[in-house]
């Protein structure tokens, strides 16, 4: 573990999510993201280049699914989903947790990743509706036309808008690679600068789960 990573939850996580769930959230978020990558690699073990593109795809369903599985049982958690959609989100104590693959190297910190540039349609829409006021950057990559994605994003955002109070957006960012697994995991909250651009108001690096050591195979004798 890097020396700059806290063993227990930061004061910010405790303040945002409460004492009852902060410690669990601190370890369950990276466990969920690690499990998502492991599931993808296990399912397609010989497709490394394809898996790299999948991990970076905002419509990759496994991070959403695993975050719901790992966090949905915590006290105060509420699961938001719509039928026949890849998107499912968990809201905990007034915060909706949204996954985001920001890189594929352990050297890259989410703090240095351009906020919003590689966000998918869901993260952009959530921040646009429920986040701080901001304007889109001219260098921000436009999203491809996708009627299915637009419809699914609109439905889940409408479901979140009906919640009282409307939750704030927290980004569960991660760096990962198919042959290395989860390399870095973070929780962050964005703010808008004076010129309307997005920046991180707070960011925590989370401790990575211990590596899974496969059990030795037992020899079978005739």
C-alpha atoms as a PDB file:
ATOM      1  CA  UNK A   1       0.000   0.000   0.000  1.00  0.00           C
ATOM      2  CA  UNK A   2       1.296   3.478  -0.824  1.00  0.00           C
ATOM      3  CA  UNK A   3       2.265   5.545   2.229  1.00  0.00           C
ATOM      4  CA  UNK A   4      -0.132   8.344   1.270  1.00  0.00           C
ATOM      5  CA  UNK A   5      -3.189   6.077   1.554  1.00  0.00           C
ATOM      6  CA  UNK A   6      -5.009   6.168   4.870  1.00  0.00           C
ATOM      7  CA  UNK A   7      -5.731   2.854   6.554  1.00  0.00           C
ATOM      8  CA  UNK A   8      -9.121   4.026   7.772  1.00  0.00           C
ATOM      9  CA  UNK A   9     -11.710   6.400   6.323  1.00  0.00           C
ATOM     10  CA  UNK A  10     -10.848  10.060   5.965  1.00  0.00           C
ATOM     11  CA  UNK A  11     -12.684  12.769   7.871  1.00  0.00           C
ATOM     12  CA  UNK A  12     -14.377  13.753   4.613  1.00  0.00           C
ATOM     13  CA  UNK A  13     -15.833  10.279   4.040  1.00  0.00           C
ATOM     14  CA  UNK A  14     -17.053  10.145   7.641  1.00  0.00           C
ATOM     15  CA  UNK A  15     -18.647  13.572   7.264  1.00  0.00           C
ATOM     16  CA  UNK A  16     -20.330  12.749   3.953  1.00  0.00           C
ATOM     17  CA  UNK A  17     -21.525   9.210   4.621  1.00  0.00           C
ATOM     18  CA  UNK A  18     -21.724   8.936   8.409  1.00  0.00           C
ATOM     19  CA  UNK A  19     -19.870   6.957  11.045  1.00  0.00           C
ATOM     20  CA  UNK A  20     -21.917   3.795  10.525  1.00  0.00           C
ATOM     21  CA  UNK A  21     -20.895   3.187   6.916  1.00  0.00           C
ATOM     22  CA  UNK A  22     -17.651   5.157   6.404  1.00  0.00           C
ATOM     23  CA  UNK A  23     -15.289   2.317   7.327  1.00  0.00           C
ATOM     24  CA  UNK A  24     -17.196  -0.214   5.210  1.00  0.00           C
ATOM     25  CA  UNK A  25     -17.374   2.162   2.263  1.00  0.00           C
ATOM     26  CA  UNK A  26     -13.629   2.789   2.491  1.00  0.00           C
ATOM     27  CA  UNK A  27     -12.828  -0.845   1.717  1.00  0.00           C
ATOM     28  CA  UNK A  28     -15.914  -2.011  -0.185  1.00  0.00           C
ATOM     29  CA  UNK A  29     -15.591   0.481  -3.057  1.00  0.00           C
ATOM     30  CA  UNK A  30     -12.154  -0.810  -4.161  1.00  0.00           C
ATOM     31  CA  UNK A  31     -13.291  -4.389  -3.565  1.00  0.00           C
ATOM     32  CA  UNK A  32     -16.268  -3.843  -5.862  1.00  0.00           C
ATOM     33  CA  UNK A  33     -14.161  -2.280  -8.613  1.00  0.00           C
ATOM     34  CA  UNK A  34     -11.518  -5.001  -8.315  1.00  0.00           C
ATOM     35  CA  UNK A  35     -14.199  -7.685  -8.570  1.00  0.00           C
ATOM     36  CA  UNK A  36     -15.631  -6.063 -11.700  1.00  0.00           C
ATOM     37  CA  UNK A  37     -12.250  -6.159 -13.458  1.00  0.00           C
ATOM     38  CA  UNK A  38     -11.600  -9.721 -12.319  1.00  0.00           C
ATOM     39  CA  UNK A  39     -14.976 -10.841 -13.642  1.00  0.00           C
ATOM     40  CA  UNK A  40     -14.321  -9.264 -17.026  1.00  0.00           C
ATOM     41  CA  UNK A  41     -10.872 -10.827 -17.348  1.00  0.00           C
ATOM     42  CA  UNK A  42     -12.115 -14.227 -16.197  1.00  0.00           C
ATOM     43  CA  UNK A  43     -14.924 -14.143 -18.728  1.00  0.00           C
ATOM     44  CA  UNK A  44     -12.646 -13.101 -21.609  1.00  0.00           C
ATOM     45  CA  UNK A  45      -9.132 -14.262 -20.618  1.00  0.00           C
ATOM     46  CA  UNK A  46      -7.569 -14.020 -24.099  1.00  0.00           C
ATOM     47  CA  UNK A  47      -8.929 -10.641 -25.185  1.00  0.00           C
ATOM     48  CA  UNK A  48      -6.568  -8.150 -23.491  1.00  0.00           C
ATOM     49  CA  UNK A  49      -6.913  -5.313 -26.001  1.00  0.00           C
ATOM     50  CA  UNK A  50     -10.667  -5.688 -26.107  1.00  0.00           C
ATOM     51  CA  UNK A  51     -10.819  -5.737 -22.310  1.00  0.00           C
ATOM     52  CA  UNK A  52      -8.837  -2.477 -22.136  1.00  0.00           C
ATOM     53  CA  UNK A  53     -11.484  -0.791 -24.260  1.00  0.00           C
ATOM     54  CA  UNK A  54     -14.251  -2.361 -22.204  1.00  0.00           C
ATOM     55  CA  UNK A  55     -12.803  -1.094 -18.910  1.00  0.00           C
ATOM     56  CA  UNK A  56     -12.706   2.457 -20.256  1.00  0.00           C
ATOM     57  CA  UNK A  57     -16.241   2.283 -21.671  1.00  0.00           C
ATOM     58  CA  UNK A  58     -18.696   4.247 -19.475  1.00  0.00           C
ATOM     59  CA  UNK A  59     -21.391   1.747 -20.475  1.00  0.00           C
ATOM     60  CA  UNK A  60     -19.459  -1.220 -19.093  1.00  0.00           C
ATOM     61  CA  UNK A  61     -22.106  -2.652 -16.725  1.00  0.00           C
ATOM     62  CA  UNK A  62     -19.971  -4.556 -14.197  1.00  0.00           C
ATOM     63  CA  UNK A  63     -18.764  -1.581 -12.078  1.00  0.00           C
ATOM     64  CA  UNK A  64     -22.354  -0.433 -11.609  1.00  0.00           C
ATOM     65  CA  UNK A  65     -23.446  -3.954 -10.726  1.00  0.00           C
ATOM     66  CA  UNK A  66     -20.621  -4.643  -8.283  1.00  0.00           C
ATOM     67  CA  UNK A  67     -20.969  -1.293  -6.499  1.00  0.00           C
ATOM     68  CA  UNK A  68     -24.642  -2.062  -5.952  1.00  0.00           C
ATOM     69  CA  UNK A  69     -23.823  -5.570  -4.681  1.00  0.00           C
ATOM     70  CA  UNK A  70     -21.071  -4.389  -2.328  1.00  0.00           C
ATOM     71  CA  UNK A  71     -22.712  -1.168  -1.114  1.00  0.00           C
ATOM     72  CA  UNK A  72     -26.425  -1.894  -1.429  1.00  0.00           C
ATOM     73  CA  UNK A  73     -26.583  -3.733   1.913  1.00  0.00           C
ATOM     74  CA  UNK A  74     -25.035  -0.883   3.927  1.00  0.00           C
ATOM     75  CA  UNK A  75     -27.279   1.008   6.382  1.00  0.00           C
ATOM     76  CA  UNK A  76     -29.090   3.845   4.645  1.00  0.00           C
ATOM     77  CA  UNK A  77     -28.309   2.560   1.134  1.00  0.00           C
ATOM     78  CA  UNK A  78     -30.938   2.795  -1.609  1.00  0.00           C
ATOM     79  CA  UNK A  79     -30.630   1.172  -5.019  1.00  0.00           C
ATOM     80  CA  UNK A  80     -31.822   3.078  -8.078  1.00  0.00           C
ATOM     81  CA  UNK A  81     -32.348   1.183 -11.328  1.00  0.00           C
ATOM     82  CA  UNK A  82     -34.638   1.083 -14.317  1.00  0.00           C
ATOM     83  CA  UNK A  83     -35.853  -2.020 -16.203  1.00  0.00           C
ATOM     84  CA  UNK A  84     -33.738  -3.303 -19.085  1.00  0.00           C
ATOM     85  CA  UNK A  85     -30.907  -0.853 -18.438  1.00  0.00           C
ATOM     86  CA  UNK A  86     -27.239  -1.439 -17.704  1.00  0.00           C
ATOM     87  CA  UNK A  87     -27.293   1.426 -15.241  1.00  0.00           C
ATOM     88  CA  UNK A  88     -27.924   0.796 -11.576  1.00  0.00           C
ATOM     89  CA  UNK A  89     -26.715   3.117  -8.870  1.00  0.00           C
ATOM     90  CA  UNK A  90     -26.540   3.086  -5.109  1.00  0.00           C
ATOM     91  CA  UNK A  91     -27.388   6.146  -3.033  1.00  0.00           C
ATOM     92  CA  UNK A  92     -25.985   6.281   0.503  1.00  0.00           C
ATOM     93  CA  UNK A  93     -26.925   9.024   2.942  1.00  0.00           C
ATOM     94  CA  UNK A  94     -27.667  11.552   0.230  1.00  0.00           C
ATOM     95  CA  UNK A  95     -24.780  10.678  -2.114  1.00  0.00           C
ATOM     96  CA  UNK A  96     -25.003   8.763  -5.381  1.00  0.00           C
ATOM     97  CA  UNK A  97     -21.828   6.803  -6.167  1.00  0.00           C
ATOM     98  CA  UNK A  98     -20.880   6.828  -9.861  1.00  0.00           C
ATOM     99  CA  UNK A  99     -17.979   4.700 -11.241  1.00  0.00           C
ATOM    100  CA  UNK A 100     -15.438   6.209 -13.622  1.00  0.00           C
ATOM    101  CA  UNK A 101     -12.355   4.622 -15.218  1.00  0.00           C
ATOM    102  CA  UNK A 102      -9.880   7.495 -15.435  1.00  0.00           C
ATOM    103  CA  UNK A 103      -6.724   5.590 -16.443  1.00  0.00           C
ATOM    104  CA  UNK A 104      -4.809   2.354 -16.820  1.00  0.00           C
ATOM    105  CA  UNK A 105      -1.673   3.050 -14.766  1.00  0.00           C
ATOM    106  CA  UNK A 106      -0.930   3.111 -11.038  1.00  0.00           C
ATOM    107  CA  UNK A 107       1.211   6.197 -11.640  1.00  0.00           C
ATOM    108  CA  UNK A 108      -1.847   8.219 -12.637  1.00  0.00           C
ATOM    109  CA  UNK A 109      -3.774   9.920  -9.860  1.00  0.00           C
ATOM    110  CA  UNK A 110      -7.405  10.802 -10.383  1.00  0.00           C
ATOM    111  CA  UNK A 111      -6.457  14.262  -9.115  1.00  0.00           C
ATOM    112  CA  UNK A 112      -4.485  14.780 -12.335  1.00  0.00           C
ATOM    113  CA  UNK A 113      -7.170  13.389 -14.652  1.00  0.00           C
ATOM    114  CA  UNK A 114      -9.093  16.049 -16.608  1.00  0.00           C
ATOM    115  CA  UNK A 115     -12.474  16.222 -14.913  1.00  0.00           C
ATOM    116  CA  UNK A 116     -15.326  15.583 -17.292  1.00  0.00           C
ATOM    117  CA  UNK A 117     -13.314  14.911 -20.448  1.00  0.00           C
ATOM    118  CA  UNK A 118     -13.811  11.141 -20.400  1.00  0.00           C
ATOM    119  CA  UNK A 119     -17.037  11.096 -18.403  1.00  0.00           C
ATOM    120  CA  UNK A 120     -19.810   9.147 -20.029  1.00  0.00           C
ATOM    121  CA  UNK A 121     -23.285  10.416 -20.683  1.00  0.00           C
ATOM    122  CA  UNK A 122     -24.574   9.320 -17.261  1.00  0.00           C
ATOM    123  CA  UNK A 123     -21.892  11.118 -15.231  1.00  0.00           C
ATOM    124  CA  UNK A 124     -22.246  14.255 -17.341  1.00  0.00           C
ATOM    125  CA  UNK A 125     -26.012  14.267 -16.979  1.00  0.00           C
ATOM    126  CA  UNK A 126     -25.879  13.657 -13.217  1.00  0.00           C
ATOM    127  CA  UNK A 127     -23.406  16.489 -12.728  1.00  0.00           C
ATOM    128  CA  UNK A 128     -25.391  18.726 -15.028  1.00  0.00           C
ATOM    129  CA  UNK A 129     -28.600  18.140 -13.082  1.00  0.00           C
ATOM    130  CA  UNK A 130     -27.412  17.670  -9.516  1.00  0.00           C
ATOM    131  CA  UNK A 131     -23.815  18.904  -9.422  1.00  0.00           C
ATOM    132  CA  UNK A 132     -22.286  22.383  -9.211  1.00  0.00           C
ATOM    133  CA  UNK A 133     -22.939  24.901 -11.991  1.00  0.00           C
ATOM    134  CA  UNK A 134     -20.448  24.364 -14.796  1.00  0.00           C
ATOM    135  CA  UNK A 135     -19.969  24.955 -18.482  1.00  0.00           C
ATOM    136  CA  UNK A 136     -18.757  22.377 -20.938  1.00  0.00           C
ATOM    137  CA  UNK A 137     -15.169  22.759 -22.084  1.00  0.00           C
ATOM    138  CA  UNK A 138     -14.466  23.292 -25.770  1.00  0.00           C
ATOM    139  CA  UNK A 139     -11.857  20.518 -25.606  1.00  0.00           C
ATOM    140  CA  UNK A 140     -14.306  18.071 -24.069  1.00  0.00           C
ATOM    141  CA  UNK A 141     -14.793  15.126 -26.375  1.00  0.00           C
ATOM    142  CA  UNK A 142     -18.336  15.022 -27.777  1.00  0.00           C
ATOM    143  CA  UNK A 143     -20.294  11.871 -27.101  1.00  0.00           C
ATOM    144  CA  UNK A 144     -21.396   9.702 -30.022  1.00  0.00           C
ATOM    145  CA  UNK A 145     -25.071   9.596 -30.857  1.00  0.00           C
ATOM    146  CA  UNK A 146     -26.666   6.719 -28.968  1.00  0.00           C
ATOM    147  CA  UNK A 147     -30.438   6.739 -28.609  1.00  0.00           C
ATOM    148  CA  UNK A 148     -30.433   3.749 -26.232  1.00  0.00           C
ATOM    149  CA  UNK A 149     -27.889   5.339 -23.888  1.00  0.00           C
ATOM    150  CA  UNK A 150     -29.711   8.665 -23.933  1.00  0.00           C
ATOM    151  CA  UNK A 151     -32.987   6.952 -23.041  1.00  0.00           C
ATOM    152  CA  UNK A 152     -31.465   4.903 -20.202  1.00  0.00           C
ATOM    153  CA  UNK A 153     -29.636   7.908 -18.766  1.00  0.00           C
ATOM    154  CA  UNK A 154     -32.778  10.026 -18.899  1.00  0.00           C
ATOM    155  CA  UNK A 155     -34.805   7.386 -17.054  1.00  0.00           C
ATOM    156  CA  UNK A 156     -32.358   6.803 -14.202  1.00  0.00           C
ATOM    157  CA  UNK A 157     -31.719  10.535 -13.779  1.00  0.00           C
ATOM    158  CA  UNK A 158     -35.469  11.127 -13.584  1.00  0.00           C
ATOM    159  CA  UNK A 159     -35.713   8.445 -10.892  1.00  0.00           C
ATOM    160  CA  UNK A 160     -32.950  10.132  -8.895  1.00  0.00           C
ATOM    161  CA  UNK A 161     -34.587  13.543  -9.329  1.00  0.00           C
ATOM    162  CA  UNK A 162     -37.675  12.213  -7.524  1.00  0.00           C
ATOM    163  CA  UNK A 163     -35.636  11.448  -4.402  1.00  0.00           C
ATOM    164  CA  UNK A 164     -35.958  13.815  -1.461  1.00  0.00           C
ATOM    165  CA  UNK A 165     -33.483  15.295  -0.895  1.00  0.00           C
ATOM    166  CA  UNK A 166     -31.827  15.050  -4.287  1.00  0.00           C
ATOM    167  CA  UNK A 167     -28.459  13.318  -3.741  1.00  0.00           C
ATOM    168  CA  UNK A 168     -25.043  14.803  -4.388  1.00  0.00           C
ATOM    169  CA  UNK A 169     -22.694  13.123  -6.865  1.00  0.00           C
ATOM    170  CA  UNK A 170     -19.591  11.266  -5.675  1.00  0.00           C
ATOM    171  CA  UNK A 171     -17.222   9.766  -8.250  1.00  0.00           C
ATOM    172  CA  UNK A 172     -15.735   6.325  -7.559  1.00  0.00           C
ATOM    173  CA  UNK A 173     -12.744   6.600  -9.868  1.00  0.00           C
ATOM    174  CA  UNK A 174     -10.338   3.815 -10.671  1.00  0.00           C
ATOM    175  CA  UNK A 175      -7.321   2.924 -12.766  1.00  0.00           C
ATOM    176  CA  UNK A 176      -7.069  -0.656 -13.960  1.00  0.00           C
ATOM    177  CA  UNK A 177      -5.664  -2.938 -16.610  1.00  0.00           C
ATOM    178  CA  UNK A 178      -6.742  -6.446 -17.635  1.00  0.00           C
ATOM    179  CA  UNK A 179      -3.387  -8.097 -16.885  1.00  0.00           C
ATOM    180  CA  UNK A 180      -2.802  -6.162 -13.638  1.00  0.00           C
ATOM    181  CA  UNK A 181      -6.294  -5.744 -12.202  1.00  0.00           C
ATOM    182  CA  UNK A 182      -7.253  -2.753 -10.081  1.00  0.00           C
ATOM    183  CA  UNK A 183      -4.305  -0.369  -9.783  1.00  0.00           C
ATOM    184  CA  UNK A 184      -5.826   2.605  -7.983  1.00  0.00           C
ATOM    185  CA  UNK A 185      -9.210   3.521  -6.513  1.00  0.00           C
ATOM    186  CA  UNK A 186     -10.490   6.883  -5.348  1.00  0.00           C
ATOM    187  CA  UNK A 187     -13.528   8.717  -4.069  1.00  0.00           C
ATOM    188  CA  UNK A 188     -13.925  12.301  -5.148  1.00  0.00           C
ATOM    189  CA  UNK A 189     -16.352  15.176  -5.303  1.00  0.00           C
ATOM    190  CA  UNK A 190     -16.260  17.888  -7.944  1.00  0.00           C
ATOM    191  CA  UNK A 191     -16.694  21.619  -7.710  1.00  0.00           C
ATOM    192  CA  UNK A 192     -16.831  24.365 -10.314  1.00  0.00           C
ATOM    193  CA  UNK A 193     -14.144  27.008 -10.610  1.00  0.00           C
ATOM    194  CA  UNK A 194     -14.712  30.718 -11.149  1.00  0.00           C
ATOM    195  CA  UNK A 195     -14.653  30.271 -14.927  1.00  0.00           C
ATOM    196  CA  UNK A 196     -17.194  27.426 -14.797  1.00  0.00           C
ATOM    197  CA  UNK A 197     -14.786  24.521 -15.289  1.00  0.00           C
ATOM    198  CA  UNK A 198     -14.908  21.411 -13.103  1.00  0.00           C
ATOM    199  CA  UNK A 199     -12.260  20.576 -10.542  1.00  0.00           C
ATOM    200  CA  UNK A 200     -11.947  18.288  -7.541  1.00  0.00           C
ATOM    201  CA  UNK A 201     -13.182  19.770  -4.272  1.00  0.00           C
ATOM    202  CA  UNK A 202     -11.987  16.665  -2.433  1.00  0.00           C
ATOM    203  CA  UNK A 203     -10.346  13.397  -3.361  1.00  0.00           C
ATOM    204  CA  UNK A 204      -9.270  10.353  -1.352  1.00  0.00           C
ATOM    205  CA  UNK A 205      -7.126   7.435  -2.495  1.00  0.00           C
ATOM    206  CA  UNK A 206      -8.617   4.194  -1.184  1.00  0.00           C
ATOM    207  CA  UNK A 207      -6.654   1.142   0.015  1.00  0.00           C
ATOM    208  CA  UNK A 208      -6.525  -1.620  -2.558  1.00  0.00           C
ATOM    209  CA  UNK A 209      -7.768  -5.070  -1.558  1.00  0.00           C
ATOM    210  CA  UNK A 210      -5.065  -7.705  -1.018  1.00  0.00           C
ATOM    211  CA  UNK A 211      -4.215  -9.753  -4.105  1.00  0.00           C
ATOM    212  CA  UNK A 212      -6.015 -13.023  -4.520  1.00  0.00           C
ATOM    213  CA  UNK A 213      -3.502 -15.876  -4.241  1.00  0.00           C
ATOM    214  CA  UNK A 214      -4.771 -18.951  -6.061  1.00  0.00           C
ATOM    215  CA  UNK A 215      -4.829 -22.152  -4.080  1.00  0.00           C
ATOM    216  CA  UNK A 216      -2.285 -24.760  -5.193  1.00  0.00           C
ATOM    217  CA  UNK A 217      -3.775 -27.548  -7.242  1.00  0.00           C
ATOM    218  CA  UNK A 218      -3.877 -30.890  -5.537  1.00  0.00           C
ATOM    219  CA  UNK A 219      -2.172 -33.696  -7.375  1.00  0.00           C
ATOM    220  CA  UNK A 220      -4.399 -36.644  -8.097  1.00  0.00           C
ATOM    221  CA  UNK A 221      -2.720 -40.026  -8.149  1.00  0.00           C
ATOM    222  CA  UNK A 222      -4.254 -43.094  -9.748  1.00  0.00           C
END
